[in-house]
Amino acid sequence: RSKVRSRVMANSLMELIGQSSHVYIMGHRNADLDSVGAAVGIACLCRKKGKKANIVIDLEKNACSGFIDEIRKVPEYQDVFISGQDALLAADNHSVLVVVDTNRPDRVECMPLLEAVPKVCVVDHHNRAADYIESVVVNLHETAASSASELVTELLTYSVEKKDVLPIEAKALLAGICLDTKFFNVRTGESTFEAAATL
């Protein structure tokens, strides 16, 4: 992994966001802190670019409903979380879908949305599955990373100023890293601690 690659990916993703009419961000079903943290980080990128973003999630079935409620109290996030069905109705040909924390089509929150949106970006750290999401425009897939939140933190480092990141967004990303590393006990590397220090 190199900082050059992260910077190139950050530029590519920001360009893609800039060309879109709307950005949808989606993690895996039964979303956990890493999935939500990474999604919130991507939403921060979109806000910096002046683009409307929605996080597609099942608000009834997830592993961190208390934290999602906390995020939704922040003015910038009051109408950000939507259902897959609502996203499917609103999406058009110029929409972009960013999939975080999974690379398998059968694991995403809303498979019909994945099939409906023409431009898809994947940000993931899991091993590549046999049924990998195909026809991806921007693919940031790093199995050496501890978490999707770590990868998104790197993207933010190259794309926004520190003041652009809301405290709740930094908290969400750090929570994602803490969850997937069991509080820095497994799967950590230099980049993991660097990302945590940045947050």
C-alpha atoms as a PDB file:
ATOM      1  CA  ARG A   1       0.000   0.000   0.000  1.00  0.00           C
ATOM      2  CA  SER A   2       1.280   3.407  -0.836  1.00  0.00           C
ATOM      3  CA  LYS A   3       0.178   6.963  -0.174  1.00  0.00           C
ATOM      4  CA  VAL A   4       0.398   7.614  -3.924  1.00  0.00           C
ATOM      5  CA  ARG A   5      -2.321   5.046  -4.591  1.00  0.00           C
ATOM      6  CA  SER A   6      -4.534   6.481  -1.853  1.00  0.00           C
ATOM      7  CA  ARG A   7      -4.129   9.969  -3.302  1.00  0.00           C
ATOM      8  CA  VAL A   8      -4.931   8.788  -6.847  1.00  0.00           C
ATOM      9  CA  MET A   9      -8.025   6.949  -5.566  1.00  0.00           C
ATOM     10  CA  ALA A  10      -9.118  10.033  -3.596  1.00  0.00           C
ATOM     11  CA  ASN A  11      -8.819  12.191  -6.734  1.00  0.00           C
ATOM     12  CA  SER A  12     -10.700   9.633  -8.856  1.00  0.00           C
ATOM     13  CA  LEU A  13     -13.515   9.340  -6.323  1.00  0.00           C
ATOM     14  CA  MET A  14     -13.848  13.118  -5.895  1.00  0.00           C
ATOM     15  CA  GLU A  15     -14.005  13.491  -9.682  1.00  0.00           C
ATOM     16  CA  LEU A  16     -16.704  10.833  -9.880  1.00  0.00           C
ATOM     17  CA  ILE A  17     -18.704  12.504  -7.104  1.00  0.00           C
ATOM     18  CA  GLY A  18     -18.355  15.869  -8.864  1.00  0.00           C
ATOM     19  CA  GLN A  19     -19.839  14.467 -12.094  1.00  0.00           C
ATOM     20  CA  SER A  20     -22.813  12.818 -10.378  1.00  0.00           C
ATOM     21  CA  SER A  21     -26.355  14.099  -9.925  1.00  0.00           C
ATOM     22  CA  HIS A  22     -26.664  12.328  -6.563  1.00  0.00           C
ATOM     23  CA  VAL A  23     -24.530   9.954  -4.494  1.00  0.00           C
ATOM     24  CA  TYR A  24     -25.882   6.888  -2.705  1.00  0.00           C
ATOM     25  CA  ILE A  25     -23.693   5.170  -0.123  1.00  0.00           C
ATOM     26  CA  MET A  26     -24.427   1.603   0.868  1.00  0.00           C
ATOM     27  CA  GLY A  27     -22.773  -0.939   3.158  1.00  0.00           C
ATOM     28  CA  HIS A  28     -23.626  -4.543   3.909  1.00  0.00           C
ATOM     29  CA  ARG A  29     -26.857  -5.865   5.404  1.00  0.00           C
ATOM     30  CA  ASN A  30     -27.142  -5.667   9.204  1.00  0.00           C
ATOM     31  CA  ALA A  31     -24.739  -2.701   9.141  1.00  0.00           C
ATOM     32  CA  ASP A  32     -22.067  -2.500  11.852  1.00  0.00           C
ATOM     33  CA  LEU A  33     -19.945   0.406  13.102  1.00  0.00           C
ATOM     34  CA  ASP A  34     -17.326  -0.030  10.361  1.00  0.00           C
ATOM     35  CA  SER A  35     -19.938   0.014   7.614  1.00  0.00           C
ATOM     36  CA  VAL A  36     -21.691   3.083   9.077  1.00  0.00           C
ATOM     37  CA  GLY A  37     -18.393   4.844   9.854  1.00  0.00           C
ATOM     38  CA  ALA A  38     -17.123   4.398   6.288  1.00  0.00           C
ATOM     39  CA  ALA A  39     -20.485   5.533   4.866  1.00  0.00           C
ATOM     40  CA  VAL A  40     -20.466   8.681   7.019  1.00  0.00           C
ATOM     41  CA  GLY A  41     -16.901   9.427   5.872  1.00  0.00           C
ATOM     42  CA  ILE A  42     -17.949   9.204   2.209  1.00  0.00           C
ATOM     43  CA  ALA A  43     -20.909  11.502   2.991  1.00  0.00           C
ATOM     44  CA  CYS A  44     -18.363  14.032   4.290  1.00  0.00           C
ATOM     45  CA  LEU A  45     -16.512  13.851   0.938  1.00  0.00           C
ATOM     46  CA  CYS A  46     -19.784  14.520  -0.891  1.00  0.00           C
ATOM     47  CA  ARG A  47     -20.606  17.498   1.321  1.00  0.00           C
ATOM     48  CA  LYS A  48     -17.165  18.956   0.594  1.00  0.00           C
ATOM     49  CA  LYS A  49     -17.878  18.549  -3.129  1.00  0.00           C
ATOM     50  CA  GLY A  50     -21.300  20.181  -2.744  1.00  0.00           C
ATOM     51  CA  LYS A  51     -23.201  17.031  -3.703  1.00  0.00           C
ATOM     52  CA  LYS A  52     -26.275  15.577  -2.036  1.00  0.00           C
ATOM     53  CA  ALA A  53     -25.582  12.156  -0.517  1.00  0.00           C
ATOM     54  CA  ASN A  54     -27.819   9.552   1.070  1.00  0.00           C
ATOM     55  CA  ILE A  55     -26.782   6.537   3.118  1.00  0.00           C
ATOM     56  CA  VAL A  56     -28.892   3.503   2.243  1.00  0.00           C
ATOM     57  CA  ILE A  57     -29.575   1.450   5.357  1.00  0.00           C
ATOM     58  CA  ASP A  58     -32.274  -0.625   7.039  1.00  0.00           C
ATOM     59  CA  LEU A  59     -32.984   1.447  10.154  1.00  0.00           C
ATOM     60  CA  GLU A  60     -34.801  -1.506  11.745  1.00  0.00           C
ATOM     61  CA  LYS A  61     -32.167  -4.212  11.106  1.00  0.00           C
ATOM     62  CA  ASN A  62     -28.653  -3.081  11.940  1.00  0.00           C
ATOM     63  CA  ALA A  63     -26.019  -3.662  14.611  1.00  0.00           C
ATOM     64  CA  CYS A  64     -25.631  -0.049  15.797  1.00  0.00           C
ATOM     65  CA  SER A  65     -29.047   1.604  15.938  1.00  0.00           C
ATOM     66  CA  GLY A  66     -28.166   3.677  19.027  1.00  0.00           C
ATOM     67  CA  PHE A  67     -25.196   5.264  17.291  1.00  0.00           C
ATOM     68  CA  ILE A  68     -27.208   5.885  14.103  1.00  0.00           C
ATOM     69  CA  ASP A  69     -29.789   7.737  16.248  1.00  0.00           C
ATOM     70  CA  GLU A  70     -26.951   9.865  17.632  1.00  0.00           C
ATOM     71  CA  ILE A  71     -25.711  10.695  14.119  1.00  0.00           C
ATOM     72  CA  ARG A  72     -29.223  11.600  12.936  1.00  0.00           C
ATOM     73  CA  LYS A  73     -29.483  14.278  15.637  1.00  0.00           C
ATOM     74  CA  VAL A  74     -26.733  16.258  13.885  1.00  0.00           C
ATOM     75  CA  PRO A  75     -28.349  18.844  11.514  1.00  0.00           C
ATOM     76  CA  GLU A  76     -26.265  17.697   8.504  1.00  0.00           C
ATOM     77  CA  TYR A  77     -27.579  14.133   8.913  1.00  0.00           C
ATOM     78  CA  GLN A  78     -31.272  14.625   9.613  1.00  0.00           C
ATOM     79  CA  ASP A  79     -32.426  13.369   6.202  1.00  0.00           C
ATOM     80  CA  VAL A  80     -29.334  11.438   5.064  1.00  0.00           C
ATOM     81  CA  PHE A  81     -30.353   7.885   6.033  1.00  0.00           C
ATOM     82  CA  ILE A  82     -32.913   6.374   3.662  1.00  0.00           C
ATOM     83  CA  SER A  83     -34.257   2.928   2.785  1.00  0.00           C
ATOM     84  CA  GLY A  84     -33.158   0.970  -0.277  1.00  0.00           C
ATOM     85  CA  GLN A  85     -36.655   1.317  -1.724  1.00  0.00           C
ATOM     86  CA  ASP A  86     -36.596   5.120  -1.490  1.00  0.00           C
ATOM     87  CA  ALA A  87     -33.134   5.229  -3.072  1.00  0.00           C
ATOM     88  CA  LEU A  88     -34.288   2.976  -5.894  1.00  0.00           C
ATOM     89  CA  LEU A  89     -37.194   5.315  -6.685  1.00  0.00           C
ATOM     90  CA  ALA A  90     -34.989   8.434  -6.650  1.00  0.00           C
ATOM     91  CA  ALA A  91     -31.890   7.135  -8.502  1.00  0.00           C
ATOM     92  CA  ASP A  92     -31.275   8.190 -12.114  1.00  0.00           C
ATOM     93  CA  ASN A  93     -28.680   7.513 -14.831  1.00  0.00           C
ATOM     94  CA  HIS A  94     -26.325  10.157 -13.436  1.00  0.00           C
ATOM     95  CA  SER A  95     -26.363   8.763  -9.886  1.00  0.00           C
ATOM     96  CA  VAL A  96     -23.263   7.221  -8.323  1.00  0.00           C
ATOM     97  CA  LEU A  97     -23.312   4.359  -5.824  1.00  0.00           C
ATOM     98  CA  VAL A  98     -20.439   3.940  -3.348  1.00  0.00           C
ATOM     99  CA  VAL A  99     -20.384   0.489  -1.731  1.00  0.00           C
ATOM    100  CA  VAL A 100     -18.419   0.299   1.536  1.00  0.00           C
ATOM    101  CA  ASP A 101     -17.241  -2.598   3.710  1.00  0.00           C
ATOM    102  CA  THR A 102     -18.245  -5.393   1.318  1.00  0.00           C
ATOM    103  CA  ASN A 103     -17.378  -6.511  -2.199  1.00  0.00           C
ATOM    104  CA  ARG A 104     -20.091  -9.140  -2.594  1.00  0.00           C
ATOM    105  CA  PRO A 105     -23.302  -8.260  -4.450  1.00  0.00           C
ATOM    106  CA  ASP A 106     -25.335 -10.700  -2.327  1.00  0.00           C
ATOM    107  CA  ARG A 107     -24.244  -8.947   0.898  1.00  0.00           C
ATOM    108  CA  VAL A 108     -25.172  -5.348   0.053  1.00  0.00           C
ATOM    109  CA  GLU A 109     -28.060  -3.602   1.789  1.00  0.00           C
ATOM    110  CA  CYS A 110     -30.137  -3.308  -1.401  1.00  0.00           C
ATOM    111  CA  MET A 111     -29.187  -5.481  -4.378  1.00  0.00           C
ATOM    112  CA  PRO A 112     -31.746  -3.912  -6.782  1.00  0.00           C
ATOM    113  CA  LEU A 113     -30.066  -0.507  -6.231  1.00  0.00           C
ATOM    114  CA  LEU A 114     -26.677  -2.025  -7.090  1.00  0.00           C
ATOM    115  CA  GLU A 115     -28.154  -3.328 -10.341  1.00  0.00           C
ATOM    116  CA  ALA A 116     -29.945  -0.053 -11.133  1.00  0.00           C
ATOM    117  CA  VAL A 117     -27.102   2.467 -10.710  1.00  0.00           C
ATOM    118  CA  PRO A 118     -24.673   2.497 -13.683  1.00  0.00           C
ATOM    119  CA  LYS A 119     -21.620   3.937 -11.872  1.00  0.00           C
ATOM    120  CA  VAL A 120     -20.427   1.990  -8.842  1.00  0.00           C
ATOM    121  CA  CYS A 121     -17.421   2.525  -6.582  1.00  0.00           C
ATOM    122  CA  VAL A 122     -16.211  -0.042  -4.020  1.00  0.00           C
ATOM    123  CA  VAL A 123     -14.218   0.769  -0.861  1.00  0.00           C
ATOM    124  CA  ASP A 124     -13.465  -2.463   0.987  1.00  0.00           C
ATOM    125  CA  HIS A 125     -10.871  -4.380   2.996  1.00  0.00           C
ATOM    126  CA  HIS A 126     -12.261  -7.940   2.896  1.00  0.00           C
ATOM    127  CA  ASN A 127     -10.733 -10.683   0.768  1.00  0.00           C
ATOM    128  CA  ARG A 128     -12.007 -10.668  -2.785  1.00  0.00           C
ATOM    129  CA  ALA A 129     -15.017 -12.945  -3.121  1.00  0.00           C
ATOM    130  CA  ALA A 130     -15.678 -15.194  -6.109  1.00  0.00           C
ATOM    131  CA  ASP A 131     -18.872 -13.248  -6.824  1.00  0.00           C
ATOM    132  CA  TYR A 132     -17.178  -9.841  -6.684  1.00  0.00           C
ATOM    133  CA  ILE A 133     -19.154  -6.712  -7.646  1.00  0.00           C
ATOM    134  CA  GLU A 134     -18.398  -6.236 -11.338  1.00  0.00           C
ATOM    135  CA  SER A 135     -18.155  -3.180 -13.608  1.00  0.00           C
ATOM    136  CA  VAL A 136     -16.747  -0.944 -10.874  1.00  0.00           C
ATOM    137  CA  VAL A 137     -15.644   2.558 -11.939  1.00  0.00           C
ATOM    138  CA  VAL A 138     -13.409   3.268  -8.916  1.00  0.00           C
ATOM    139  CA  ASN A 139     -12.148   0.321  -6.875  1.00  0.00           C
ATOM    140  CA  LEU A 140     -10.302   0.917  -3.602  1.00  0.00           C
ATOM    141  CA  HIS A 141      -9.854  -2.661  -2.413  1.00  0.00           C
ATOM    142  CA  GLU A 142      -7.069  -3.116   0.136  1.00  0.00           C
ATOM    143  CA  THR A 143      -7.033  -6.371   2.100  1.00  0.00           C
ATOM    144  CA  ALA A 144      -4.057  -5.089   4.133  1.00  0.00           C
ATOM    145  CA  ALA A 145      -6.251  -2.382   5.687  1.00  0.00           C
ATOM    146  CA  SER A 146      -7.815  -3.041   9.079  1.00  0.00           C
ATOM    147  CA  SER A 147     -11.219  -1.680   8.126  1.00  0.00           C
ATOM    148  CA  ALA A 148     -13.231   0.236   5.550  1.00  0.00           C
ATOM    149  CA  SER A 149     -13.163   3.175   7.976  1.00  0.00           C
ATOM    150  CA  GLU A 150      -9.352   3.228   7.812  1.00  0.00           C
ATOM    151  CA  LEU A 151      -9.469   3.421   3.996  1.00  0.00           C
ATOM    152  CA  VAL A 152     -12.070   6.204   4.048  1.00  0.00           C
ATOM    153  CA  THR A 153      -9.997   8.151   6.608  1.00  0.00           C
ATOM    154  CA  GLU A 154      -7.083   8.016   4.142  1.00  0.00           C
ATOM    155  CA  LEU A 155      -9.361   9.326   1.375  1.00  0.00           C
ATOM    156  CA  LEU A 156     -10.458  12.197   3.632  1.00  0.00           C
ATOM    157  CA  THR A 157      -6.819  13.051   4.411  1.00  0.00           C
ATOM    158  CA  TYR A 158      -6.213  13.831   0.726  1.00  0.00           C
ATOM    159  CA  SER A 159      -9.584  15.381  -0.088  1.00  0.00           C
ATOM    160  CA  VAL A 160     -10.757  17.654   2.732  1.00  0.00           C
ATOM    161  CA  GLU A 161      -9.455  20.024   5.392  1.00  0.00           C
ATOM    162  CA  LYS A 162      -9.613  18.929   9.019  1.00  0.00           C
ATOM    163  CA  LYS A 163     -12.289  21.546   9.729  1.00  0.00           C
ATOM    164  CA  ASP A 164     -14.539  19.918   7.065  1.00  0.00           C
ATOM    165  CA  VAL A 165     -14.908  16.741   9.137  1.00  0.00           C
ATOM    166  CA  LEU A 166     -17.657  16.925  11.765  1.00  0.00           C
ATOM    167  CA  PRO A 167     -16.837  15.559  15.255  1.00  0.00           C
ATOM    168  CA  ILE A 168     -19.547  12.886  14.839  1.00  0.00           C
ATOM    169  CA  GLU A 169     -17.933  11.783  11.540  1.00  0.00           C
ATOM    170  CA  ALA A 170     -14.505  11.421  13.173  1.00  0.00           C
ATOM    171  CA  LYS A 171     -16.160   9.514  16.012  1.00  0.00           C
ATOM    172  CA  ALA A 172     -17.956   7.173  13.585  1.00  0.00           C
ATOM    173  CA  LEU A 173     -14.774   6.427  11.628  1.00  0.00           C
ATOM    174  CA  LEU A 174     -12.766   5.788  14.796  1.00  0.00           C
ATOM    175  CA  ALA A 175     -15.540   3.526  16.111  1.00  0.00           C
ATOM    176  CA  GLY A 176     -15.342   1.522  12.868  1.00  0.00           C
ATOM    177  CA  ILE A 177     -11.580   1.095  13.205  1.00  0.00           C
ATOM    178  CA  CYS A 178     -11.918   0.124  16.901  1.00  0.00           C
ATOM    179  CA  LEU A 179     -14.567  -2.487  16.086  1.00  0.00           C
ATOM    180  CA  ASP A 180     -12.651  -4.230  13.300  1.00  0.00           C
ATOM    181  CA  THR A 181      -9.299  -4.176  15.133  1.00  0.00           C
ATOM    182  CA  LYS A 182     -10.845  -5.161  18.500  1.00  0.00           C
ATOM    183  CA  PHE A 183      -9.433  -1.922  19.917  1.00  0.00           C
ATOM    184  CA  PHE A 184      -6.104  -2.161  18.070  1.00  0.00           C
ATOM    185  CA  ASN A 185      -5.391  -5.762  19.041  1.00  0.00           C
ATOM    186  CA  VAL A 186      -5.724  -7.440  15.620  1.00  0.00           C
ATOM    187  CA  ARG A 187      -5.129  -6.587  11.944  1.00  0.00           C
ATOM    188  CA  THR A 188      -3.396  -3.295  12.727  1.00  0.00           C
ATOM    189  CA  GLY A 189      -0.597  -1.708  10.729  1.00  0.00           C
ATOM    190  CA  GLU A 190       1.194   1.605  10.540  1.00  0.00           C
ATOM    191  CA  SER A 191      -1.654   3.066   8.476  1.00  0.00           C
ATOM    192  CA  THR A 192      -4.202   2.029  11.108  1.00  0.00           C
ATOM    193  CA  PHE A 193      -2.510   4.068  13.851  1.00  0.00           C
ATOM    194  CA  GLU A 194      -1.903   6.933  11.441  1.00  0.00           C
ATOM    195  CA  ALA A 195      -5.622   7.041  10.584  1.00  0.00           C
ATOM    196  CA  ALA A 196      -6.587   6.862  14.269  1.00  0.00           C
ATOM    197  CA  ALA A 197      -4.166   9.687  15.111  1.00  0.00           C
ATOM    198  CA  THR A 198      -5.622  11.816  12.322  1.00  0.00           C
ATOM    199  CA  LEU A 199      -9.154  11.267  13.639  1.00  0.00           C
END
